[in-house]
Amino acid sequence: MRTGRPKAELRLSAEEQAQLSGLVVSRSLPHALVARAQVVLWAAQGQSNSAIAQRLGWSKATVGKWRRRFLERRVSGLHDELRPGRPRSYRDEQVAMLIKRVLHSKPAVATHWTVRAVAGETAISKSTVARYFALFSLQPHRSKSFKLSTDPFFVEKVRAIVGLYLNPPDKALVLCVDEKSQVQALERTQPVLPLGLGHVEGVTHDYFRHGTTTLFAALNVLDGSVISQCKPRHRHQEFLAFLNHLDRGIPAELQVHLIADNYGTHKHPKVKAWLARRPRYHIHYTPTYASWLNQVERWFALITQQAIRRGSFRSVRELVHKIDHYVTHYNAHQRPFVWTASADSIFDKLQRLCKLINGTTH
């Protein structure tokens, strides 16, 4: 039997849902405001004040207070009341114009806005502009690259590969295969300055080149182990030799699913003939410009960061020895990458990206 005053039903419009979700994921807004937005989202999902209070470590009265404030004033009610003190130097309209300028225009003689450039255009102090940049997570000095796939079978390939990650078949091995070519054995011309208190490790910008090697690798999706070989070149002959190396170590009763990119070596007629003679092998090519689907690329990033980029090698043999030592240690502490993205979530993200590119919101 329920007791106490019945709570008013809390419903959110689509716009309010979007506003509150934006507040919850913000890293720059006050924690109290983020927590109040989370309270409203949970309440809209039907959670009780008691459950929300327990999750946040608040009292039921505090949760009820912000729930009532939202019902009375909606999103604006989640903000703190104005308190006595020095009045703000800039009106909301001025701040909005600053944000609009940064988001929707470019400076006349540069590719992006800086704090000083915005301050010069708006007559707002540099420190205040910097504070607004931090508050609204504006980062015009940064950019990230992307490339949309033009593969006509993009959807089918993504579903096939993601399906292998999320639901691998029984009595089968899923291997992500690729090669990291032109790994250079670079020897620094001067000794490394060691890491110390108050300063980072120092390395010279110039080096001697002692040749290159190609790292072939196959990542086992199930347990995270890696099979690797270093070879002097990256032709189809070397790729076939690596496939033969894999074949000798895989039990005959297992089916093998290989995930590879569209590099010509992987599609050479002799490679296709090798696969055709071995019906237990099934190769899945990633869509064009979508090598991020191949998990071994993430492992290549790890070995580059941790063993190659900052190393100094007097010969290719020394570089290969370092790679082999890293792989041995990695396999001794192997741990698979956890793939969480479904095919539908990938398509949804690409759809949002395409809308941004086209300048549409519907």
Protein backbone atom coordinates (compact mmCIF):
# COMPACT_ATOMS: atom_id res chain seq x y z
CA MET A 1 0.00 0.00 0.00
CA ARG A 2 1.48 3.38 -1.06
CA THR A 3 1.65 6.20 1.47
CA GLY A 4 2.64 9.84 1.28
CA ARG A 5 1.85 12.55 -1.18
CA PRO A 6 1.60 11.32 -4.80
CA LYS A 7 4.29 12.81 -7.07
CA ALA A 8 3.35 14.74 -10.17
CA GLU A 9 4.19 12.86 -13.36
CA LEU A 10 7.37 14.11 -14.98
CA ARG A 11 7.49 14.07 -18.78
CA LEU A 12 10.20 15.50 -21.03
CA SER A 13 9.88 16.97 -24.48
CA ALA A 14 12.44 15.95 -27.10
CA GLU A 15 14.14 19.34 -26.75
CA GLU A 16 14.33 19.03 -22.95
CA GLN A 17 15.68 15.49 -23.26
CA ALA A 18 18.44 16.77 -25.55
CA GLN A 19 19.26 19.72 -23.26
CA LEU A 20 19.47 17.57 -20.15
CA SER A 21 21.55 14.91 -21.90
CA GLY A 22 23.97 17.63 -22.97
CA LEU A 23 24.26 18.89 -19.40
CA VAL A 24 24.91 15.40 -18.04
CA VAL A 25 27.90 14.71 -20.33
CA SER A 26 29.48 18.14 -19.87
CA ARG A 27 32.93 18.20 -18.29
CA SER A 28 33.02 21.95 -17.75
CA LEU A 29 29.70 22.79 -16.08
CA PRO A 30 29.39 22.78 -12.27
CA HIS A 31 28.99 19.32 -10.80
CA ALA A 32 25.83 20.35 -8.95
CA LEU A 33 24.09 21.36 -12.19
CA VAL A 34 25.14 18.10 -13.89
CA ALA A 35 23.78 16.08 -10.94
CA ARG A 36 20.44 17.96 -10.99
CA ALA A 37 20.05 17.23 -14.71
CA GLN A 38 20.75 13.57 -13.98
CA VAL A 39 18.07 13.60 -11.27
CA VAL A 40 15.48 14.81 -13.78
CA LEU A 41 16.49 12.24 -16.42
CA TRP A 42 16.24 9.40 -13.91
CA ALA A 43 12.93 10.71 -12.61
CA ALA A 44 11.57 10.85 -16.17
CA GLN A 45 12.54 7.19 -16.54
CA GLY A 46 10.30 6.36 -13.60
CA GLN A 47 12.87 5.99 -10.86
CA SER A 48 11.72 6.88 -7.35
CA ASN A 49 13.14 9.69 -5.24
CA SER A 50 14.51 7.08 -2.82
CA ALA A 51 16.37 5.21 -5.55
CA ILE A 52 17.82 8.43 -6.99
CA ALA A 53 18.84 9.66 -3.54
CA GLN A 54 20.64 6.38 -2.86
CA ARG A 55 22.51 6.53 -6.20
CA LEU A 56 23.71 10.10 -5.59
CA GLY A 57 24.18 9.93 -1.86
CA TRP A 58 21.62 12.71 -1.36
CA SER A 59 18.62 12.97 0.92
CA LYS A 60 15.14 12.28 -0.43
CA ALA A 61 14.19 15.87 0.40
CA THR A 62 16.95 17.25 -1.83
CA VAL A 63 15.93 15.03 -4.74
CA GLY A 64 12.29 16.06 -4.25
CA LYS A 65 13.29 19.73 -4.18
CA TRP A 66 14.96 19.64 -7.60
CA ARG A 67 12.22 17.50 -9.05
CA ARG A 68 9.67 20.15 -7.98
CA ARG A 69 11.90 22.96 -9.26
CA PHE A 70 12.00 21.33 -12.68
CA LEU A 71 8.23 20.83 -12.77
CA GLU A 72 7.75 24.49 -11.90
CA ARG A 73 10.39 26.14 -14.08
CA ARG A 74 11.64 23.37 -16.39
CA VAL A 75 15.35 23.39 -17.32
CA SER A 76 15.96 26.94 -16.10
CA GLY A 77 14.86 25.87 -12.61
CA LEU A 78 17.93 23.65 -12.26
CA HIS A 79 20.27 26.63 -12.15
CA ASP A 80 21.15 28.31 -8.88
CA GLU A 81 19.30 31.41 -7.86
CA LEU A 82 21.01 34.74 -8.49
CA ARG A 83 22.91 35.92 -5.43
CA PRO A 84 24.07 39.38 -4.42
CA GLY A 85 27.46 40.33 -5.79
CA ARG A 86 29.23 42.10 -8.59
CA PRO A 87 27.05 42.26 -11.73
CA ARG A 88 28.23 40.41 -14.81
CA SER A 89 30.45 42.37 -17.16
CA TYR A 90 28.90 40.96 -20.33
CA ARG A 91 25.27 40.33 -21.17
CA ASP A 92 23.94 37.02 -22.44
CA GLU A 93 23.57 38.54 -25.91
CA GLN A 94 27.29 39.38 -26.02
CA VAL A 95 28.27 35.87 -24.96
CA ALA A 96 25.90 34.38 -27.52
CA MET A 97 27.42 36.54 -30.27
CA LEU A 98 30.91 35.42 -29.24
CA ILE A 99 29.91 31.75 -29.46
CA LYS A 100 28.14 32.30 -32.78
CA ARG A 101 31.19 34.02 -34.23
CA VAL A 102 33.50 31.15 -33.25
CA LEU A 103 31.13 28.43 -34.47
CA HIS A 104 29.92 29.94 -37.73
CA SER A 105 32.70 32.15 -39.09
CA LYS A 106 36.42 32.23 -39.81
CA PRO A 107 38.89 35.05 -39.18
CA ALA A 108 39.92 37.01 -42.29
CA VAL A 109 43.58 35.96 -42.30
CA ALA A 110 43.62 32.60 -40.48
CA THR A 111 42.03 29.17 -40.59
CA HIS A 112 40.60 29.27 -37.07
CA TRP A 113 39.91 31.54 -34.14
CA THR A 114 42.26 32.01 -31.21
CA VAL A 115 41.57 33.58 -27.82
CA ARG A 116 43.46 36.73 -28.80
CA ALA A 117 41.73 36.98 -32.19
CA VAL A 118 38.29 36.69 -30.62
CA ALA A 119 39.21 39.19 -27.91
CA GLY A 120 40.33 41.66 -30.58
CA GLU A 121 37.12 41.28 -32.56
CA THR A 122 34.70 41.43 -29.64
CA ALA A 123 36.46 43.85 -27.25
CA ILE A 124 36.14 41.21 -24.52
CA SER A 125 39.27 40.58 -22.45
CA LYS A 126 41.48 37.60 -23.31
CA SER A 127 41.02 36.03 -19.88
CA THR A 128 37.23 36.25 -20.20
CA VAL A 129 37.26 34.78 -23.71
CA ALA A 130 39.45 31.95 -22.45
CA ARG A 131 36.98 31.34 -19.62
CA TYR A 132 34.06 31.18 -22.07
CA PHE A 133 36.03 28.81 -24.30
CA ALA A 134 36.51 26.47 -21.34
CA LEU A 135 32.93 26.86 -20.10
CA PHE A 136 31.34 25.97 -23.44
CA SER A 137 34.04 23.47 -24.51
CA LEU A 138 35.01 25.54 -27.55
CA GLN A 139 38.28 24.28 -29.06
CA PRO A 140 38.77 25.99 -32.44
CA HIS A 141 42.52 25.26 -32.33
CA ARG A 142 41.84 21.51 -32.52
CA SER A 143 40.56 19.32 -35.33
CA LYS A 144 40.21 15.62 -36.03
CA SER A 145 40.33 13.80 -39.34
CA PHE A 146 37.76 11.47 -40.85
CA LYS A 147 37.09 9.66 -44.11
CA LEU A 148 33.72 8.30 -45.16
CA SER A 149 33.73 4.94 -46.88
CA THR A 150 32.62 4.82 -50.52
CA ASP A 151 32.29 1.03 -50.56
CA PRO A 152 28.99 0.01 -52.22
CA PHE A 153 28.80 -2.99 -49.85
CA PHE A 154 29.65 -0.99 -46.73
CA VAL A 155 26.55 -2.08 -44.77
CA GLU A 156 26.98 -5.77 -45.55
CA LYS A 157 30.69 -5.79 -44.67
CA VAL A 158 30.19 -3.90 -41.41
CA ARG A 159 27.43 -6.28 -40.31
CA ALA A 160 29.56 -9.32 -41.15
CA ILE A 161 32.66 -8.13 -39.29
CA VAL A 162 30.88 -6.67 -36.26
CA GLY A 163 28.86 -9.88 -36.07
CA LEU A 164 32.11 -11.86 -35.79
CA TYR A 165 33.27 -9.57 -32.97
CA LEU A 166 30.06 -9.62 -30.95
CA ASN A 167 28.99 -13.20 -31.63
CA PRO A 168 31.89 -15.32 -32.91
CA PRO A 169 30.88 -18.71 -34.33
CA ASP A 170 31.48 -21.95 -32.42
CA LYS A 171 34.56 -24.04 -33.24
CA ALA A 172 36.06 -21.17 -35.18
CA LEU A 173 38.96 -18.77 -34.84
CA VAL A 174 38.57 -15.07 -35.69
CA LEU A 175 41.89 -13.44 -36.61
CA CYS A 176 42.45 -9.80 -37.49
CA VAL A 177 45.34 -9.82 -39.95
CA ASP A 178 47.45 -7.00 -41.38
CA GLU A 179 51.00 -5.79 -41.81
CA LYS A 180 52.74 -2.66 -40.57
CA SER A 181 55.14 -1.84 -43.37
CA GLN A 182 58.27 0.31 -43.41
CA VAL A 183 58.98 0.08 -39.68
CA GLN A 184 62.24 2.02 -39.51
CA ALA A 185 65.27 1.16 -37.42
CA LEU A 186 66.21 4.68 -36.33
CA GLU A 187 69.21 5.44 -34.16
CA ARG A 188 69.25 8.81 -32.40
CA THR A 189 72.35 10.83 -33.12
CA GLN A 190 72.75 11.82 -29.47
CA PRO A 191 71.98 10.16 -26.12
CA VAL A 192 68.52 10.46 -24.63
CA LEU A 193 68.09 12.99 -21.83
CA PRO A 194 66.46 11.00 -19.01
CA LEU A 195 63.12 11.80 -17.44
CA GLY A 196 63.37 13.81 -14.25
CA LEU A 197 61.38 15.79 -11.73
CA GLY A 198 60.00 18.83 -13.51
CA HIS A 199 61.08 17.90 -17.04
CA VAL A 200 60.21 15.26 -19.63
CA GLU A 201 62.47 12.82 -21.43
CA GLY A 202 64.44 14.51 -24.24
CA VAL A 203 65.34 12.96 -27.58
CA THR A 204 67.11 14.45 -30.57
CA HIS A 205 65.04 15.25 -33.62
CA ASP A 206 67.59 13.75 -36.05
CA TYR A 207 68.72 10.16 -36.43
CA PHE A 208 70.58 7.61 -38.54
CA ARG A 209 68.52 5.24 -40.71
CA HIS A 210 69.52 1.57 -40.60
CA GLY A 211 66.83 0.05 -42.83
CA THR A 212 63.25 -1.14 -42.40
CA THR A 213 61.24 -4.23 -41.61
CA THR A 214 57.59 -5.20 -42.13
CA LEU A 215 55.65 -6.49 -39.14
CA PHE A 216 52.95 -9.06 -40.01
CA ALA A 217 50.48 -9.71 -37.19
CA ALA A 218 47.32 -11.71 -36.50
CA LEU A 219 45.26 -10.75 -33.46
CA ASN A 220 43.08 -13.44 -31.92
CA VAL A 221 39.80 -11.66 -31.17
CA LEU A 222 38.76 -14.19 -28.53
CA ASP A 223 41.75 -14.08 -26.18
CA GLY A 224 43.80 -11.10 -27.42
CA SER A 225 46.93 -13.09 -28.24
CA VAL A 226 49.07 -12.04 -31.20
CA ILE A 227 50.99 -14.09 -33.76
CA SER A 228 53.65 -12.04 -35.51
CA GLN A 229 56.53 -12.26 -37.95
CA CYS A 230 58.94 -9.65 -39.25
CA LYS A 231 59.90 -9.79 -42.91
CA PRO A 232 62.07 -7.55 -45.10
CA ARG A 233 59.28 -6.71 -47.59
CA HIS A 234 55.48 -6.68 -47.79
CA ARG A 235 54.65 -8.37 -51.10
CA HIS A 236 52.15 -11.17 -51.63
CA GLN A 237 55.00 -13.68 -51.21
CA GLU A 238 55.60 -12.52 -47.65
CA PHE A 239 51.87 -12.49 -46.91
CA LEU A 240 51.55 -16.08 -48.18
CA ALA A 241 54.49 -17.13 -46.01
CA PHE A 242 52.75 -15.57 -43.01
CA LEU A 243 49.48 -17.38 -43.85
CA ASN A 244 51.40 -20.66 -44.02
CA HIS A 245 52.91 -19.84 -40.62
CA LEU A 246 49.42 -19.31 -39.22
CA ASP A 247 48.09 -22.48 -40.85
CA ARG A 248 50.75 -24.65 -39.22
CA GLY A 249 49.78 -23.44 -35.76
CA ILE A 250 45.97 -23.62 -36.04
CA PRO A 251 44.27 -26.94 -35.19
CA ALA A 252 42.84 -28.59 -38.31
CA GLU A 253 39.33 -28.93 -36.86
CA LEU A 254 38.83 -25.16 -36.48
CA GLN A 255 37.24 -22.88 -39.05
CA VAL A 256 39.24 -19.69 -39.55
CA HIS A 257 37.77 -16.24 -40.23
CA LEU A 258 40.36 -13.70 -41.40
CA ILE A 259 39.62 -9.97 -41.24
CA ALA A 260 41.85 -7.97 -43.58
CA ASP A 261 41.87 -4.65 -45.41
CA ASN A 262 41.79 -4.06 -49.15
CA TYR A 263 45.54 -3.78 -49.73
CA GLY A 264 46.48 -5.37 -53.07
CA THR A 265 48.71 -7.95 -51.39
CA HIS A 266 45.69 -9.45 -49.61
CA LYS A 267 43.77 -9.82 -52.89
CA HIS A 268 46.59 -11.14 -55.07
CA PRO A 269 45.52 -14.09 -57.31
CA LYS A 270 47.98 -16.41 -55.55
CA VAL A 271 46.53 -15.44 -52.17
CA LYS A 272 43.03 -16.13 -53.46
CA ALA A 273 44.20 -19.49 -54.83
CA TRP A 274 45.75 -20.34 -51.42
CA LEU A 275 42.45 -19.59 -49.71
CA ALA A 276 40.45 -21.52 -52.32
CA ARG A 277 42.51 -24.66 -51.62
CA ARG A 278 41.67 -24.37 -47.93
CA PRO A 279 37.87 -24.16 -47.56
CA ARG A 280 38.07 -23.75 -43.77
CA TYR A 281 39.45 -20.23 -44.32
CA HIS A 282 36.93 -17.40 -44.76
CA ILE A 283 38.29 -13.93 -45.49
CA HIS A 284 36.32 -10.78 -44.71
CA TYR A 285 37.57 -7.54 -46.24
CA THR A 286 36.89 -4.30 -44.39
CA PRO A 287 35.09 -1.60 -46.40
CA THR A 288 37.29 0.89 -48.22
CA TYR A 289 38.53 3.68 -45.90
CA ALA A 290 37.33 1.69 -42.90
CA SER A 291 40.46 0.00 -41.59
CA TRP A 292 39.30 1.09 -38.09
CA LEU A 293 37.09 -2.01 -38.21
CA ASN A 294 40.22 -4.17 -38.02
CA GLN A 295 41.17 -4.60 -34.36
CA VAL A 296 44.81 -5.37 -35.16
CA GLU A 297 45.19 -1.67 -36.07
CA ARG A 298 44.67 -0.86 -32.40
CA TRP A 299 47.39 -3.32 -31.47
CA PHE A 300 49.74 -1.73 -34.02
CA ALA A 301 49.12 1.60 -32.27
CA LEU A 302 50.08 0.01 -28.93
CA ILE A 303 53.37 -1.47 -30.10
CA THR A 304 54.24 1.78 -31.88
CA GLN A 305 53.61 3.87 -28.77
CA GLN A 306 55.21 1.51 -26.28
CA ALA A 307 58.14 -0.10 -28.11
CA ILE A 308 59.00 1.56 -31.43
CA ARG A 309 58.43 5.31 -31.67
CA ARG A 310 60.72 6.42 -28.86
CA GLY A 311 63.27 3.65 -29.31
CA SER A 312 66.78 3.92 -30.74
CA PHE A 313 67.97 0.95 -32.81
CA ARG A 314 71.44 0.44 -34.24
CA SER A 315 70.27 -2.17 -36.76
CA VAL A 316 67.21 -3.84 -38.20
CA ARG A 317 68.11 -6.95 -36.24
CA GLU A 318 67.96 -4.96 -33.00
CA LEU A 319 64.56 -3.54 -34.00
CA VAL A 320 63.19 -7.01 -34.81
CA HIS A 321 64.50 -8.33 -31.48
CA LYS A 322 62.69 -5.51 -29.67
CA ILE A 323 59.44 -6.28 -31.52
CA ASP A 324 59.70 -10.02 -30.74
CA HIS A 325 60.41 -9.27 -27.08
CA TYR A 326 57.38 -6.96 -26.90
CA VAL A 327 55.09 -9.58 -28.49
CA THR A 328 56.29 -12.26 -26.08
CA HIS A 329 55.62 -10.01 -23.09
CA TYR A 330 52.25 -8.92 -24.52
CA ASN A 331 51.10 -12.52 -24.98
CA ALA A 332 52.15 -13.37 -21.43
CA HIS A 333 49.65 -10.73 -20.23
CA GLN A 334 47.18 -11.02 -23.11
CA ARG A 335 43.79 -9.42 -22.83
CA PRO A 336 41.29 -9.07 -25.66
CA PHE A 337 39.96 -5.74 -26.82
CA VAL A 338 36.31 -5.35 -25.81
CA TRP A 339 34.24 -4.44 -28.86
CA THR A 340 30.99 -2.79 -27.78
CA ALA A 341 29.67 -1.01 -30.88
CA SER A 342 26.86 -2.74 -32.72
CA ALA A 343 26.44 -2.36 -36.47
CA ASP A 344 23.32 -0.23 -35.94
CA SER A 345 25.14 2.14 -33.56
CA ILE A 346 27.88 2.60 -36.18
CA PHE A 347 25.30 3.40 -38.86
CA ASP A 348 23.54 5.86 -36.52
CA LYS A 349 26.82 7.67 -35.86
CA LEU A 350 27.58 7.89 -39.58
CA GLN A 351 24.09 9.20 -40.23
CA ARG A 352 24.62 12.00 -37.70
CA LEU A 353 27.96 12.80 -39.31
CA CYS A 354 26.41 12.96 -42.77
CA LYS A 355 23.73 15.33 -41.46
CA LEU A 356 26.41 17.62 -40.05
CA ILE A 357 28.29 17.58 -43.36
CA ASN A 358 25.14 18.39 -45.29
CA GLY A 359 24.16 21.14 -42.85
CA THR A 360 20.83 19.52 -41.93
CA THR A 361 19.35 18.65 -38.57
CA HIS A 362 16.42 16.48 -39.64
